[in-house]
Amino acid sequence: MNRYMAISARNQLSGKITEIQLGDVVAHVTVRVGKNLIESVITRRSAEEMGLKKGDTVKAVIKSTEVMLQKD
C-alpha cells in the first residue's frame, strides 16, 4: 500500500482518533478536529491494514457532492 498517495479531495481536516469500535465487517472511527467530532465508517480490514488506534493523528478527507451549512 502506497503511504503517500496523491488525492484530489481538497477538504482535508487533521485530527486525532478518540475512539474506534471494531465490528465484524466495519470499523466506526471518531476523530476530534478542534472542538468538533467527525465520525467515519470504514471497513475493518482498512482499519487493521492502516494500524489505526486511539490517539493516532489522521486526516479526515471529505469528498462529497453535497455539504450542508447552518448559520449559527
Protein backbone atom coordinates (compact mmCIF):
# COMPACT_ATOMS: atom_id res chain seq x y z
CA MET A 1 0.00 0.00 0.00
CA ASN A 2 1.41 3.39 -1.02
CA ARG A 3 1.50 5.61 2.08
CA TYR A 4 1.94 8.83 0.07
CA MET A 5 -0.93 8.52 -2.37
CA ALA A 6 -1.95 11.58 -4.40
CA ILE A 7 -5.55 12.58 -3.80
CA SER A 8 -7.86 15.11 -5.46
CA ALA A 9 -10.05 15.90 -2.44
CA ARG A 10 -9.32 19.37 -1.10
CA ASN A 11 -11.34 19.11 2.12
CA GLN A 12 -8.79 17.56 4.46
CA LEU A 13 -9.09 18.08 8.22
CA SER A 14 -6.33 16.93 10.58
CA GLY A 15 -7.39 15.43 13.89
CA LYS A 16 -6.84 12.69 16.47
CA ILE A 17 -8.71 9.44 16.80
CA THR A 18 -10.69 9.48 20.05
CA GLU A 19 -12.48 6.16 19.65
CA ILE A 20 -12.52 3.06 17.44
CA GLN A 21 -15.25 0.43 17.56
CA LEU A 22 -14.39 -2.67 15.54
CA GLY A 23 -17.29 -4.71 14.23
CA ASP A 24 -17.19 -7.94 12.25
CA VAL A 25 -17.08 -6.08 8.92
CA VAL A 26 -16.81 -2.34 9.62
CA ALA A 27 -14.97 -0.02 11.99
CA HIS A 28 -16.60 3.11 13.43
CA VAL A 29 -13.87 5.72 13.90
CA THR A 30 -14.36 9.01 15.77
CA VAL A 31 -11.89 11.82 15.07
CA ARG A 32 -11.60 15.08 17.05
CA VAL A 33 -10.94 18.10 14.83
CA GLY A 34 -10.64 21.13 17.11
CA LYS A 35 -13.81 21.24 19.20
CA ASN A 36 -15.69 19.04 16.73
CA LEU A 37 -16.04 15.30 16.22
CA ILE A 38 -16.15 13.64 12.81
CA GLU A 39 -17.38 10.08 12.56
CA SER A 40 -16.35 7.72 9.80
CA VAL A 41 -17.36 4.17 8.98
CA ILE A 42 -14.67 2.23 7.12
CA THR A 43 -14.05 -1.45 6.59
CA ARG A 44 -12.48 -3.31 9.48
CA ARG A 45 -9.85 -4.57 7.04
CA SER A 46 -8.84 -0.98 6.16
CA ALA A 47 -8.60 -0.02 9.83
CA GLU A 48 -6.42 -3.05 10.53
CA GLU A 49 -4.21 -2.52 7.46
CA MET A 50 -3.66 1.11 8.48
CA GLY A 51 -2.99 0.06 12.07
CA LEU A 52 -5.43 2.70 13.36
CA LYS A 53 -5.61 3.15 17.12
CA LYS A 54 -6.88 5.67 19.66
CA GLY A 55 -4.59 8.72 19.80
CA ASP A 56 -3.35 8.42 16.21
CA THR A 57 -3.24 11.61 14.14
CA VAL A 58 -5.17 11.22 10.89
CA LYS A 59 -6.69 13.35 8.16
CA ALA A 60 -10.43 13.21 7.58
CA VAL A 61 -10.73 13.57 3.81
CA ILE A 62 -14.18 14.74 2.77
CA LYS A 63 -15.27 14.24 -0.82
CA SER A 64 -18.92 14.98 -1.27
CA THR A 65 -21.29 16.33 -3.86
CA GLU A 66 -23.36 17.94 -1.11
CA VAL A 67 -22.25 19.80 2.01
CA MET A 68 -24.99 21.37 4.10
CA LEU A 69 -24.39 24.55 6.11
CA GLN A 70 -26.29 26.02 9.04
CA LYS A 71 -25.74 29.58 10.20
CA ASP A 72 -25.02 29.92 13.94
